[in-house]
Structure formats: structure tokens, C-alpha cells
Amino acid sequence: MSETRDAGQSCFGQSPAGEEAPGNENQKCWGELYGAYEFPIGALVRAVTDDGLRLEGFWQPCPHGAPDRAVVFVHGAGSNFYSGGMWDALSGVFHQAGYGVLRINTRGHDGHYVARSAAGVVRMGAAYECVADAVRDLAAWCQWLEEQRVRRIVWVGHSLGAIKVLYAGAYAPPSAVSGIIALSAPRLSCRLYQEVSPVFQATLLEAKERAARGEGESLIESRFPFPMLITAASFLDKYGGEQYNILTFTHRIPVKTALIYGELEVADNPSFAGLPEAFQEQARGGVRLRVEVISGADHFYTGRFEALGERIKPLLQWIGT
């Protein structure tokens, strides 16, 4: 059974790392940003993938609107469904638009954990994942929603989660998915990273050498494109080729797709530089894409949650038409 409470009683004011982010609009309460309304706290739920992996999530059915519509939030690398900040803010936007909200874990949640699957006990997390396996994770969650009689689904992913929804949308889209919103999807390109970072080149060589010795599951320290511990095999999967270069497959997606970027990440990070223009060119070529850039926003939209929500509202109307 779901409880309800006044939305104005629930505030959000945390940075992606969980620390408070003082002095920005993200500290406003729901009532200030979206008006007071009753919304369900929700329930912890679970889906099982076709390879037997159990994944947890959080389901917040919409207190009004069509019960057959839902948004699925997909976290970025090393994050999870219970991260605050952006997901808290956007839940209000989607509820107001009449969508239930399902915040999910993929098998790449958090840095590292031990799980049970059909293959037995396995190591999982951002350090061990294969990005393409997100197709299985998203399919399992879509099946869960269909069992709740949800028939129209919008995928919303952030960072690596945005790559996952774009990739699944291009190669294995469930029929219930009616649209995709990708927030800050980077271009994972080995060619690009080799050009811009000698540090990446050294890590790539180390990962290849370990894989050649049969040590693909050993951990290495990657410092580019961002610092993390990762297995040699997972590093090669994510960064060792062009499989997840979103420019090479987004045109395949059969449903309406919106890509949103922060102005600061586009200006400062080679993983994002030039992407808005490249996707705008694809849209002019007939691909069903829309591209938005949020002024003053970084990769986590710090201090720009309200602007992000306002930009998403017309995109939902576009997807729904």
C-alpha cells in the first residue's frame, strides 16, 4: 500500500555525491518548484533478467493521469536508483505530466557488488559490467511494467545510462517504449580518446596486455575519461572501440528521441564536444531527434534542475504526439 504526503514537505538539495549543494535552486522544495500535490511515496520492487540476475528499483505510480504510462529512470556509471538530486526533481515533472515513475538499477549500479544469477555468484557493478547487457536489464524492467498494465514507456537515462537507453533503443527496443530522453550521453570513442589523452593511451595498452594474458577480470586504475577502478575487460568493452559511440547508432532508433546536454560539459569535455551540432545535423537529415542545451549546466545539472524540468515538459508532449 502506498502512503501519500504533501509534496511541499519533501525537499531536495543534494549533489550527486550526496553532499548538500548550498546556494542553488536545487534546495527548493517540491511545493516551490511544481506546486503542492499529493504523490505516492512508492514501493521497492524487483525484476529478474533473462540470465537470472535480480535487480531492485523504486516504483512511484502517478496519483493522477493515465495509469498506463510510465517513465523509467536509468542511472549513470556507478550510481543507483536511490541517488537523490536530479531524479527527485524530475519525478515531480513526470508525475505532473501524468506518468508513473520507475527508478531502476541496472547490473552496473554502484562500483562493485556481489550478486546471484543463473550462472551462480558473480561480481557486478560499474567495474565489471558489459554495457550491452543493459539490453537485458531494460527488457526485464519493461516486462515488469507491462505486468502492472503499463503500455506506454519513456526511457530517461543519464550519462552512461543515457548511452544504455540509446543503445537498447537502437538494437532491441521493446514495443511498449514510445520515446527516449537521453541526458548528457557521452561519446565513448577509442579513436577520440587516443587523440586527446596520453593517459588513456597508457591505460588502454595495460588493459589489452592483461586481457591477452587471460587477466581480463583483474582491476586496473583508470584516470580517463574519469577516475575509477575497472576490470581490464570492462575498460575494453566501454572504451576500447566504437561500439558505444552514440553517433554511429542513434539514427537507428525507431521512436522519438530527445538529447539534452549541459552547456558547461559541452564546452569543457571532449566526450561531449560537438555532439549537439552533430545530432542537430542528423535531425535535419530526417532522424526523429530533438536536441537541447541547458545554459550554465554541468554534467549533473547542478543548480539547474528546474531549468532541466522546464525543458523536458514540451519534449514529453512531442513524444506523446
C-alpha atoms as a PDB file:
ATOM      1  CA  MET A   1       0.000   0.000   0.000  1.00  0.00           C
ATOM      2  CA  SER A   2       1.308   3.462  -0.881  1.00  0.00           C
ATOM      3  CA  GLU A   3       1.272   6.367   1.508  1.00  0.00           C
ATOM      4  CA  THR A   4       0.834   9.950   0.399  1.00  0.00           C
ATOM      5  CA  ARG A   5       2.121  13.220   1.716  1.00  0.00           C
ATOM      6  CA  ASP A   6       2.123  16.827   0.641  1.00  0.00           C
ATOM      7  CA  ALA A   7       4.835  17.385  -1.933  1.00  0.00           C
ATOM      8  CA  GLY A   8       5.887  20.578  -0.258  1.00  0.00           C
ATOM      9  CA  GLN A   9       7.179  18.528   2.665  1.00  0.00           C
ATOM     10  CA  SER A  10       9.798  16.819   0.507  1.00  0.00           C
ATOM     11  CA  CYS A  11      12.881  18.883  -0.353  1.00  0.00           C
ATOM     12  CA  PHE A  12      15.848  18.064  -2.461  1.00  0.00           C
ATOM     13  CA  GLY A  13      19.255  19.694  -2.058  1.00  0.00           C
ATOM     14  CA  GLN A  14      21.989  17.173  -2.646  1.00  0.00           C
ATOM     15  CA  SER A  15      24.825  16.936  -5.082  1.00  0.00           C
ATOM     16  CA  PRO A  16      25.439  13.667  -6.963  1.00  0.00           C
ATOM     17  CA  ALA A  17      27.930  12.621  -4.270  1.00  0.00           C
ATOM     18  CA  GLY A  18      25.283  13.055  -1.589  1.00  0.00           C
ATOM     19  CA  GLU A  19      26.675  16.244  -0.031  1.00  0.00           C
ATOM     20  CA  GLU A  20      24.460  19.259   0.280  1.00  0.00           C
ATOM     21  CA  ALA A  21      24.833  21.725  -2.552  1.00  0.00           C
ATOM     22  CA  PRO A  22      24.244  25.092  -0.863  1.00  0.00           C
ATOM     23  CA  GLY A  23      23.147  28.215  -2.572  1.00  0.00           C
ATOM     24  CA  ASN A  24      21.322  26.871  -5.590  1.00  0.00           C
ATOM     25  CA  GLU A  25      17.777  26.231  -6.725  1.00  0.00           C
ATOM     26  CA  ASN A  26      18.150  22.505  -6.109  1.00  0.00           C
ATOM     27  CA  GLN A  27      17.443  23.183  -2.429  1.00  0.00           C
ATOM     28  CA  LYS A  28      13.914  24.373  -3.151  1.00  0.00           C
ATOM     29  CA  CYS A  29      11.035  22.220  -2.022  1.00  0.00           C
ATOM     30  CA  TRP A  30       8.633  20.495  -4.381  1.00  0.00           C
ATOM     31  CA  GLY A  31       5.905  22.932  -3.500  1.00  0.00           C
ATOM     32  CA  GLU A  32       8.055  25.861  -4.586  1.00  0.00           C
ATOM     33  CA  LEU A  33       9.030  24.327  -7.923  1.00  0.00           C
ATOM     34  CA  TYR A  34       5.980  22.393  -9.016  1.00  0.00           C
ATOM     35  CA  GLY A  35       3.162  23.319  -6.649  1.00  0.00           C
ATOM     36  CA  ALA A  36       1.797  21.273  -3.766  1.00  0.00           C
ATOM     37  CA  TYR A  37       0.192  17.995  -4.791  1.00  0.00           C
ATOM     38  CA  GLU A  38      -0.303  14.556  -3.290  1.00  0.00           C
ATOM     39  CA  PHE A  39       2.090  11.935  -4.566  1.00  0.00           C
ATOM     40  CA  PRO A  40       2.744   8.326  -3.549  1.00  0.00           C
ATOM     41  CA  ILE A  41       5.942   7.599  -1.691  1.00  0.00           C
ATOM     42  CA  GLY A  42       6.139   4.399  -3.690  1.00  0.00           C
ATOM     43  CA  ALA A  43       7.382   0.865  -3.169  1.00  0.00           C
ATOM     44  CA  LEU A  44      10.587  -1.118  -3.560  1.00  0.00           C
ATOM     45  CA  VAL A  45      10.227  -3.555  -6.443  1.00  0.00           C
ATOM     46  CA  ARG A  46      12.312  -6.215  -8.167  1.00  0.00           C
ATOM     47  CA  ALA A  47      12.801  -7.522 -11.709  1.00  0.00           C
ATOM     48  CA  VAL A  48      14.644 -10.639 -12.867  1.00  0.00           C
ATOM     49  CA  THR A  49      16.588 -10.627 -16.126  1.00  0.00           C
ATOM     50  CA  ASP A  50      16.621 -13.488 -18.620  1.00  0.00           C
ATOM     51  CA  ASP A  51      20.016 -14.571 -17.253  1.00  0.00           C
ATOM     52  CA  GLY A  52      18.648 -14.778 -13.717  1.00  0.00           C
ATOM     53  CA  LEU A  53      20.011 -11.537 -12.235  1.00  0.00           C
ATOM     54  CA  ARG A  54      17.802  -9.832  -9.655  1.00  0.00           C
ATOM     55  CA  LEU A  55      17.601  -6.042  -9.891  1.00  0.00           C
ATOM     56  CA  GLU A  56      15.911  -3.643  -7.490  1.00  0.00           C
ATOM     57  CA  GLY A  57      14.028  -0.443  -8.187  1.00  0.00           C
ATOM     58  CA  PHE A  58      11.542   2.052  -6.784  1.00  0.00           C
ATOM     59  CA  TRP A  59       8.060   2.434  -8.251  1.00  0.00           C
ATOM     60  CA  GLN A  60       6.063   5.647  -7.822  1.00  0.00           C
ATOM     61  CA  PRO A  61       2.697   5.311  -9.580  1.00  0.00           C
ATOM     62  CA  CYS A  62       1.218   8.575 -10.748  1.00  0.00           C
ATOM     63  CA  PRO A  63      -1.507   9.886  -8.413  1.00  0.00           C
ATOM     64  CA  HIS A  64      -3.423  11.218 -11.425  1.00  0.00           C
ATOM     65  CA  GLY A  65      -3.407  10.921 -15.194  1.00  0.00           C
ATOM     66  CA  ALA A  66      -3.263   7.779 -17.296  1.00  0.00           C
ATOM     67  CA  PRO A  67      -2.311   4.644 -15.317  1.00  0.00           C
ATOM     68  CA  ASP A  68      -0.823   3.019 -18.429  1.00  0.00           C
ATOM     69  CA  ARG A  69       2.085   5.475 -18.828  1.00  0.00           C
ATOM     70  CA  ALA A  70       5.432   5.358 -17.058  1.00  0.00           C
ATOM     71  CA  VAL A  71       8.934   6.773 -17.183  1.00  0.00           C
ATOM     72  CA  VAL A  72      11.944   4.576 -16.445  1.00  0.00           C
ATOM     73  CA  PHE A  73      14.932   6.395 -14.929  1.00  0.00           C
ATOM     74  CA  VAL A  74      18.301   4.781 -15.759  1.00  0.00           C
ATOM     75  CA  HIS A  75      21.292   5.820 -13.640  1.00  0.00           C
ATOM     76  CA  GLY A  76      24.827   6.546 -14.826  1.00  0.00           C
ATOM     77  CA  ALA A  77      28.106   4.713 -14.175  1.00  0.00           C
ATOM     78  CA  GLY A  78      28.495   3.644 -10.557  1.00  0.00           C
ATOM     79  CA  SER A  79      25.240   5.280  -9.478  1.00  0.00           C
ATOM     80  CA  ASN A  80      21.917   3.667  -8.471  1.00  0.00           C
ATOM     81  CA  PHE A  81      18.160   4.147  -8.287  1.00  0.00           C
ATOM     82  CA  TYR A  82      18.246   5.709  -4.824  1.00  0.00           C
ATOM     83  CA  SER A  83      20.550   8.570  -5.761  1.00  0.00           C
ATOM     84  CA  GLY A  84      18.839  11.852  -4.996  1.00  0.00           C
ATOM     85  CA  GLY A  85      19.053  15.209  -6.653  1.00  0.00           C
ATOM     86  CA  MET A  86      18.133  15.035 -10.313  1.00  0.00           C
ATOM     87  CA  TRP A  87      15.856  12.003 -10.099  1.00  0.00           C
ATOM     88  CA  ASP A  88      13.956  13.550  -7.181  1.00  0.00           C
ATOM     89  CA  ALA A  89      13.361  16.731  -9.142  1.00  0.00           C
ATOM     90  CA  LEU A  90      12.322  15.047 -12.355  1.00  0.00           C
ATOM     91  CA  SER A  91       9.894  12.710 -10.622  1.00  0.00           C
ATOM     92  CA  GLY A  92       7.721  15.746  -9.924  1.00  0.00           C
ATOM     93  CA  VAL A  93       7.863  16.819 -13.568  1.00  0.00           C
ATOM     94  CA  PHE A  94       6.764  13.417 -14.838  1.00  0.00           C
ATOM     95  CA  HIS A  95       4.049  12.972 -12.237  1.00  0.00           C
ATOM     96  CA  GLN A  96       2.582  16.301 -13.217  1.00  0.00           C
ATOM     97  CA  ALA A  97       2.583  15.138 -16.828  1.00  0.00           C
ATOM     98  CA  GLY A  98       0.635  12.023 -15.844  1.00  0.00           C
ATOM     99  CA  TYR A  99       3.434   9.439 -15.831  1.00  0.00           C
ATOM    100  CA  GLY A 100       4.270   6.897 -13.181  1.00  0.00           C
ATOM    101  CA  VAL A 101       7.985   6.830 -12.330  1.00  0.00           C
ATOM    102  CA  LEU A 102      10.150   3.722 -12.074  1.00  0.00           C
ATOM    103  CA  ARG A 103      13.688   4.323 -10.814  1.00  0.00           C
ATOM    104  CA  ILE A 104      15.773   1.262 -11.595  1.00  0.00           C
ATOM    105  CA  ASN A 105      19.109  -0.370 -11.002  1.00  0.00           C
ATOM    106  CA  THR A 106      20.933  -1.898 -13.922  1.00  0.00           C
ATOM    107  CA  ARG A 107      23.602  -4.526 -13.309  1.00  0.00           C
ATOM    108  CA  GLY A 108      26.166  -1.716 -13.470  1.00  0.00           C
ATOM    109  CA  HIS A 109      24.892   0.023 -10.350  1.00  0.00           C
ATOM    110  CA  ASP A 110      27.438   1.217  -7.781  1.00  0.00           C
ATOM    111  CA  GLY A 111      31.133   0.471  -8.139  1.00  0.00           C
ATOM    112  CA  HIS A 112      31.184  -3.214  -7.208  1.00  0.00           C
ATOM    113  CA  TYR A 113      28.919  -5.755  -5.554  1.00  0.00           C
ATOM    114  CA  VAL A 114      28.329  -9.497  -5.465  1.00  0.00           C
ATOM    115  CA  ALA A 115      25.115 -10.871  -6.982  1.00  0.00           C
ATOM    116  CA  ARG A 116      23.443 -14.165  -7.777  1.00  0.00           C
ATOM    117  CA  SER A 117      22.428 -15.057 -11.304  1.00  0.00           C
ATOM    118  CA  ALA A 118      21.648 -18.195 -13.275  1.00  0.00           C
ATOM    119  CA  ALA A 119      25.427 -18.671 -13.544  1.00  0.00           C
ATOM    120  CA  GLY A 120      25.839 -18.571  -9.762  1.00  0.00           C
ATOM    121  CA  VAL A 121      27.590 -15.923  -7.681  1.00  0.00           C
ATOM    122  CA  VAL A 122      29.001 -13.172  -9.893  1.00  0.00           C
ATOM    123  CA  ARG A 123      30.781  -9.866  -9.441  1.00  0.00           C
ATOM    124  CA  MET A 124      28.823  -6.925 -10.782  1.00  0.00           C
ATOM    125  CA  GLY A 125      28.823  -3.140 -10.750  1.00  0.00           C
ATOM    126  CA  ALA A 126      30.418  -0.438 -12.856  1.00  0.00           C
ATOM    127  CA  ALA A 127      33.817  -2.113 -12.510  1.00  0.00           C
ATOM    128  CA  TYR A 128      32.616  -5.364 -14.070  1.00  0.00           C
ATOM    129  CA  GLU A 129      29.720  -4.592 -16.391  1.00  0.00           C
ATOM    130  CA  CYS A 130      29.360  -5.012 -20.128  1.00  0.00           C
ATOM    131  CA  VAL A 131      27.319  -2.056 -21.373  1.00  0.00           C
ATOM    132  CA  ALA A 132      25.383  -4.109 -23.931  1.00  0.00           C
ATOM    133  CA  ASP A 133      23.953  -6.238 -21.106  1.00  0.00           C
ATOM    134  CA  ALA A 134      21.760  -3.267 -20.255  1.00  0.00           C
ATOM    135  CA  VAL A 135      19.515  -4.517 -23.061  1.00  0.00           C
ATOM    136  CA  ARG A 136      18.640  -7.456 -20.790  1.00  0.00           C
ATOM    137  CA  ASP A 137      18.141  -5.215 -17.777  1.00  0.00           C
ATOM    138  CA  LEU A 138      15.844  -2.793 -19.579  1.00  0.00           C
ATOM    139  CA  ALA A 139      13.845  -5.631 -21.111  1.00  0.00           C
ATOM    140  CA  ALA A 140      13.264  -7.100 -17.648  1.00  0.00           C
ATOM    141  CA  TRP A 141      12.038  -3.787 -16.283  1.00  0.00           C
ATOM    142  CA  CYS A 142       9.752  -3.217 -19.274  1.00  0.00           C
ATOM    143  CA  GLN A 143       8.275  -6.659 -18.674  1.00  0.00           C
ATOM    144  CA  TRP A 144       7.710  -5.736 -15.023  1.00  0.00           C
ATOM    145  CA  LEU A 145       5.866  -2.586 -16.083  1.00  0.00           C
ATOM    146  CA  GLU A 146       3.765  -4.469 -18.592  1.00  0.00           C
ATOM    147  CA  GLU A 147       2.729  -6.782 -15.768  1.00  0.00           C
ATOM    148  CA  GLN A 148       1.483  -3.634 -13.996  1.00  0.00           C
ATOM    149  CA  ARG A 149      -0.572  -2.885 -17.142  1.00  0.00           C
ATOM    150  CA  VAL A 150       1.686  -0.077 -18.275  1.00  0.00           C
ATOM    151  CA  ARG A 151       1.585   0.122 -22.058  1.00  0.00           C
ATOM    152  CA  ARG A 152       3.485   3.323 -22.884  1.00  0.00           C
ATOM    153  CA  ILE A 153       7.015   3.723 -21.566  1.00  0.00           C
ATOM    154  CA  VAL A 154       9.541   6.544 -21.880  1.00  0.00           C
ATOM    155  CA  TRP A 155      13.157   5.736 -21.079  1.00  0.00           C
ATOM    156  CA  VAL A 156      15.138   8.522 -19.392  1.00  0.00           C
ATOM    157  CA  GLY A 157      18.849   7.870 -18.888  1.00  0.00           C
ATOM    158  CA  HIS A 158      21.694   9.974 -17.541  1.00  0.00           C
ATOM    159  CA  SER A 159      25.348   9.738 -18.638  1.00  0.00           C
ATOM    160  CA  LEU A 160      26.205   6.060 -19.185  1.00  0.00           C
ATOM    161  CA  GLY A 161      22.517   5.365 -18.503  1.00  0.00           C
ATOM    162  CA  ALA A 162      21.726   7.604 -21.471  1.00  0.00           C
ATOM    163  CA  ILE A 163      24.037   5.507 -23.645  1.00  0.00           C
ATOM    164  CA  LYS A 164      22.267   2.382 -22.402  1.00  0.00           C
ATOM    165  CA  VAL A 165      18.793   3.597 -23.366  1.00  0.00           C
ATOM    166  CA  LEU A 166      20.026   4.827 -26.746  1.00  0.00           C
ATOM    167  CA  TYR A 167      21.829   1.548 -27.426  1.00  0.00           C
ATOM    168  CA  ALA A 168      18.840  -0.576 -26.405  1.00  0.00           C
ATOM    169  CA  GLY A 169      16.556   1.692 -28.394  1.00  0.00           C
ATOM    170  CA  ALA A 170      18.685   1.215 -31.487  1.00  0.00           C
ATOM    171  CA  TYR A 171      19.196  -2.540 -31.287  1.00  0.00           C
ATOM    172  CA  ALA A 172      16.460  -4.103 -29.126  1.00  0.00           C
ATOM    173  CA  PRO A 173      13.597  -1.689 -28.357  1.00  0.00           C
ATOM    174  CA  PRO A 174      10.612  -3.249 -26.533  1.00  0.00           C
ATOM    175  CA  SER A 175       7.338  -2.484 -28.276  1.00  0.00           C
ATOM    176  CA  ALA A 176       5.993  -0.583 -25.247  1.00  0.00           C
ATOM    177  CA  VAL A 177       8.747   2.075 -25.439  1.00  0.00           C
ATOM    178  CA  SER A 178       7.279   5.183 -27.056  1.00  0.00           C
ATOM    179  CA  GLY A 179      10.162   7.611 -26.567  1.00  0.00           C
ATOM    180  CA  ILE A 180      13.624   8.210 -25.152  1.00  0.00           C
ATOM    181  CA  ILE A 181      15.148  11.167 -23.313  1.00  0.00           C
ATOM    182  CA  ALA A 182      18.932  10.977 -23.034  1.00  0.00           C
ATOM    183  CA  LEU A 183      20.538  13.344 -20.515  1.00  0.00           C
ATOM    184  CA  SER A 184      24.244  14.040 -21.113  1.00  0.00           C
ATOM    185  CA  ALA A 185      25.006  10.971 -23.213  1.00  0.00           C
ATOM    186  CA  PRO A 186      28.787  10.990 -23.849  1.00  0.00           C
ATOM    187  CA  ARG A 187      30.527   9.764 -26.977  1.00  0.00           C
ATOM    188  CA  LEU A 188      32.559   6.700 -25.989  1.00  0.00           C
ATOM    189  CA  SER A 189      35.145   6.632 -28.756  1.00  0.00           C
ATOM    190  CA  CYS A 190      38.535   4.953 -28.538  1.00  0.00           C
ATOM    191  CA  ARG A 191      39.776   6.956 -31.520  1.00  0.00           C
ATOM    192  CA  LEU A 192      38.801  10.250 -29.922  1.00  0.00           C
ATOM    193  CA  TYR A 193      40.274   9.402 -26.515  1.00  0.00           C
ATOM    194  CA  GLN A 194      43.567   8.289 -28.041  1.00  0.00           C
ATOM    195  CA  GLU A 195      43.820  11.649 -29.784  1.00  0.00           C
ATOM    196  CA  VAL A 196      43.183  13.759 -26.688  1.00  0.00           C
ATOM    197  CA  SER A 197      44.719  11.804 -23.787  1.00  0.00           C
ATOM    198  CA  PRO A 198      48.120  10.100 -23.433  1.00  0.00           C
ATOM    199  CA  VAL A 199      46.878   8.821 -20.066  1.00  0.00           C
ATOM    200  CA  PHE A 200      44.066   6.989 -21.828  1.00  0.00           C
ATOM    201  CA  GLN A 201      46.501   5.516 -24.323  1.00  0.00           C
ATOM    202  CA  ALA A 202      48.623   4.060 -21.498  1.00  0.00           C
ATOM    203  CA  THR A 203      45.580   2.569 -19.741  1.00  0.00           C
ATOM    204  CA  LEU A 204      44.313   1.092 -22.988  1.00  0.00           C
ATOM    205  CA  LEU A 205      47.652  -0.624 -23.547  1.00  0.00           C
ATOM    206  CA  GLU A 206      47.630  -2.018 -19.999  1.00  0.00           C
ATOM    207  CA  ALA A 207      44.074  -3.326 -20.417  1.00  0.00           C
ATOM    208  CA  LYS A 208      44.943  -5.036 -23.706  1.00  0.00           C
ATOM    209  CA  GLU A 209      48.048  -6.654 -22.213  1.00  0.00           C
ATOM    210  CA  ARG A 210      46.119  -8.014 -19.238  1.00  0.00           C
ATOM    211  CA  ALA A 211      43.347  -9.354 -21.454  1.00  0.00           C
ATOM    212  CA  ALA A 212      45.943 -11.058 -23.668  1.00  0.00           C
ATOM    213  CA  ARG A 213      47.368 -12.788 -20.587  1.00  0.00           C
ATOM    214  CA  GLY A 214      43.927 -14.053 -19.604  1.00  0.00           C
ATOM    215  CA  GLU A 215      43.621 -11.487 -16.811  1.00  0.00           C
ATOM    216  CA  GLY A 216      40.602  -9.624 -18.120  1.00  0.00           C
ATOM    217  CA  GLU A 217      38.864  -9.732 -14.740  1.00  0.00           C
ATOM    218  CA  SER A 218      41.759  -8.061 -12.925  1.00  0.00           C
ATOM    219  CA  LEU A 219      41.234  -4.492 -11.762  1.00  0.00           C
ATOM    220  CA  ILE A 220      43.119  -1.542 -13.201  1.00  0.00           C
ATOM    221  CA  GLU A 221      43.049   2.114 -12.238  1.00  0.00           C
ATOM    222  CA  SER A 222      41.605   4.243 -14.991  1.00  0.00           C
ATOM    223  CA  ARG A 223      42.103   8.011 -14.819  1.00  0.00           C
ATOM    224  CA  PHE A 224      40.461   8.958 -18.128  1.00  0.00           C
ATOM    225  CA  PRO A 225      37.703   9.662 -19.088  1.00  0.00           C
ATOM    226  CA  PHE A 226      37.226   9.786 -15.306  1.00  0.00           C
ATOM    227  CA  PRO A 227      38.927   8.136 -12.300  1.00  0.00           C
ATOM    228  CA  MET A 228      37.670   4.687 -11.359  1.00  0.00           C
ATOM    229  CA  LEU A 229      38.702   1.114 -10.639  1.00  0.00           C
ATOM    230  CA  ILE A 230      37.585  -1.120 -13.501  1.00  0.00           C
ATOM    231  CA  THR A 231      38.453  -4.535 -14.854  1.00  0.00           C
ATOM    232  CA  ALA A 232      40.560  -4.708 -17.976  1.00  0.00           C
ATOM    233  CA  ALA A 233      37.686  -6.433 -19.783  1.00  0.00           C
ATOM    234  CA  SER A 234      35.139  -3.810 -18.796  1.00  0.00           C
ATOM    235  CA  PHE A 235      37.524  -0.989 -19.736  1.00  0.00           C
ATOM    236  CA  LEU A 236      37.954  -2.500 -23.188  1.00  0.00           C
ATOM    237  CA  ASP A 237      34.212  -3.004 -23.535  1.00  0.00           C
ATOM    238  CA  LYS A 238      33.399   0.596 -22.653  1.00  0.00           C
ATOM    239  CA  TYR A 239      36.342   2.464 -24.121  1.00  0.00           C
ATOM    240  CA  GLY A 240      38.315   0.106 -26.342  1.00  0.00           C
ATOM    241  CA  GLY A 241      36.339   0.587 -29.545  1.00  0.00           C
ATOM    242  CA  GLU A 242      33.441   2.403 -31.187  1.00  0.00           C
ATOM    243  CA  GLN A 243      30.573   0.080 -30.183  1.00  0.00           C
ATOM    244  CA  TYR A 244      29.082   2.683 -27.840  1.00  0.00           C
ATOM    245  CA  ASN A 245      29.851   5.770 -29.917  1.00  0.00           C
ATOM    246  CA  ILE A 246      26.326   7.142 -29.951  1.00  0.00           C
ATOM    247  CA  LEU A 247      26.869   8.978 -33.230  1.00  0.00           C
ATOM    248  CA  THR A 248      27.080   5.614 -35.007  1.00  0.00           C
ATOM    249  CA  PHE A 249      23.702   4.161 -33.980  1.00  0.00           C
ATOM    250  CA  THR A 250      21.268   6.822 -32.762  1.00  0.00           C
ATOM    251  CA  HIS A 251      19.828   7.142 -36.254  1.00  0.00           C
ATOM    252  CA  ARG A 252      18.554   3.540 -35.927  1.00  0.00           C
ATOM    253  CA  ILE A 253      16.169   4.318 -33.056  1.00  0.00           C
ATOM    254  CA  PRO A 254      12.567   3.919 -34.268  1.00  0.00           C
ATOM    255  CA  VAL A 255      10.909   6.151 -31.636  1.00  0.00           C
ATOM    256  CA  LYS A 256      11.153   9.866 -30.959  1.00  0.00           C
ATOM    257  CA  THR A 257      14.362  10.654 -29.109  1.00  0.00           C
ATOM    258  CA  ALA A 258      15.464  13.794 -27.280  1.00  0.00           C
ATOM    259  CA  LEU A 259      19.047  14.513 -26.271  1.00  0.00           C
ATOM    260  CA  ILE A 260      19.818  17.107 -23.599  1.00  0.00           C
ATOM    261  CA  TYR A 261      23.253  18.456 -22.691  1.00  0.00           C
ATOM    262  CA  GLY A 262      24.673  20.939 -20.221  1.00  0.00           C
ATOM    263  CA  GLU A 263      26.396  23.953 -21.722  1.00  0.00           C
ATOM    264  CA  LEU A 264      29.458  23.558 -19.491  1.00  0.00           C
ATOM    265  CA  GLU A 265      30.093  19.880 -20.261  1.00  0.00           C
ATOM    266  CA  VAL A 266      29.891  20.539 -23.996  1.00  0.00           C
ATOM    267  CA  ALA A 267      32.439  23.335 -23.658  1.00  0.00           C
ATOM    268  CA  ASP A 268      34.869  21.560 -21.321  1.00  0.00           C
ATOM    269  CA  ASN A 269      34.811  17.818 -22.001  1.00  0.00           C
ATOM    270  CA  PRO A 270      35.888  16.101 -25.240  1.00  0.00           C
ATOM    271  CA  SER A 271      33.338  13.335 -24.636  1.00  0.00           C
ATOM    272  CA  PHE A 272      30.574  15.894 -25.307  1.00  0.00           C
ATOM    273  CA  ALA A 273      32.199  18.494 -27.565  1.00  0.00           C
ATOM    274  CA  GLY A 274      30.343  18.908 -30.854  1.00  0.00           C
ATOM    275  CA  LEU A 275      27.563  16.442 -30.041  1.00  0.00           C
ATOM    276  CA  PRO A 276      24.628  18.907 -30.061  1.00  0.00           C
ATOM    277  CA  GLU A 277      25.627  20.127 -33.516  1.00  0.00           C
ATOM    278  CA  ALA A 278      26.168  16.579 -34.793  1.00  0.00           C
ATOM    279  CA  PHE A 279      22.737  15.458 -33.625  1.00  0.00           C
ATOM    280  CA  GLN A 280      21.084  18.572 -34.998  1.00  0.00           C
ATOM    281  CA  GLU A 281      22.567  17.615 -38.353  1.00  0.00           C
ATOM    282  CA  GLN A 282      21.089  14.117 -38.006  1.00  0.00           C
ATOM    283  CA  ALA A 283      17.707  15.675 -37.202  1.00  0.00           C
ATOM    284  CA  ARG A 284      17.893  17.834 -40.338  1.00  0.00           C
ATOM    285  CA  GLY A 285      18.524  14.605 -42.246  1.00  0.00           C
ATOM    286  CA  GLY A 286      15.160  13.231 -41.175  1.00  0.00           C
ATOM    287  CA  VAL A 287      16.013  11.332 -37.991  1.00  0.00           C
ATOM    288  CA  ARG A 288      13.364  11.843 -35.292  1.00  0.00           C
ATOM    289  CA  LEU A 289      15.660  13.654 -32.880  1.00  0.00           C
ATOM    290  CA  ARG A 290      15.456  16.810 -30.820  1.00  0.00           C
ATOM    291  CA  VAL A 291      18.486  18.373 -29.171  1.00  0.00           C
ATOM    292  CA  GLU A 292      18.512  20.790 -26.233  1.00  0.00           C
ATOM    293  CA  VAL A 293      21.366  22.532 -24.398  1.00  0.00           C
ATOM    294  CA  ILE A 294      20.775  23.881 -20.871  1.00  0.00           C
ATOM    295  CA  SER A 295      22.679  27.116 -20.336  1.00  0.00           C
ATOM    296  CA  GLY A 296      25.018  27.141 -17.344  1.00  0.00           C
ATOM    297  CA  ALA A 297      24.518  23.417 -16.681  1.00  0.00           C
ATOM    298  CA  ASP A 298      27.272  20.934 -15.907  1.00  0.00           C
ATOM    299  CA  HIS A 299      27.116  17.156 -16.306  1.00  0.00           C
ATOM    300  CA  PHE A 300      24.961  16.776 -13.179  1.00  0.00           C
ATOM    301  CA  TYR A 301      22.803  19.883 -13.865  1.00  0.00           C
ATOM    302  CA  THR A 302      23.907  21.330 -10.548  1.00  0.00           C
ATOM    303  CA  GLY A 303      21.692  24.296  -9.750  1.00  0.00           C
ATOM    304  CA  ARG A 304      19.751  23.781 -12.988  1.00  0.00           C
ATOM    305  CA  PHE A 305      17.183  21.117 -12.085  1.00  0.00           C
ATOM    306  CA  GLU A 306      14.274  23.498 -12.567  1.00  0.00           C
ATOM    307  CA  ALA A 307      15.544  24.592 -15.986  1.00  0.00           C
ATOM    308  CA  LEU A 308      16.003  20.938 -16.948  1.00  0.00           C
ATOM    309  CA  GLY A 309      12.458  20.088 -15.899  1.00  0.00           C
ATOM    310  CA  GLU A 310      11.018  23.008 -17.840  1.00  0.00           C
ATOM    311  CA  ARG A 311      12.900  21.905 -20.957  1.00  0.00           C
ATOM    312  CA  ILE A 312      11.626  18.342 -20.614  1.00  0.00           C
ATOM    313  CA  LYS A 313       7.915  19.266 -20.448  1.00  0.00           C
ATOM    314  CA  PRO A 314       7.481  20.149 -24.161  1.00  0.00           C
ATOM    315  CA  LEU A 315       9.603  17.148 -25.107  1.00  0.00           C
ATOM    316  CA  LEU A 316       7.083  14.901 -23.359  1.00  0.00           C
ATOM    317  CA  GLN A 317       4.297  16.491 -25.386  1.00  0.00           C
ATOM    318  CA  TRP A 318       6.308  15.894 -28.570  1.00  0.00           C
ATOM    319  CA  ILE A 319       6.938  12.262 -27.676  1.00  0.00           C
ATOM    320  CA  GLY A 320       3.272  11.756 -26.858  1.00  0.00           C
ATOM    321  CA  THR A 321       2.000  13.028 -30.208  1.00  0.00           C
END
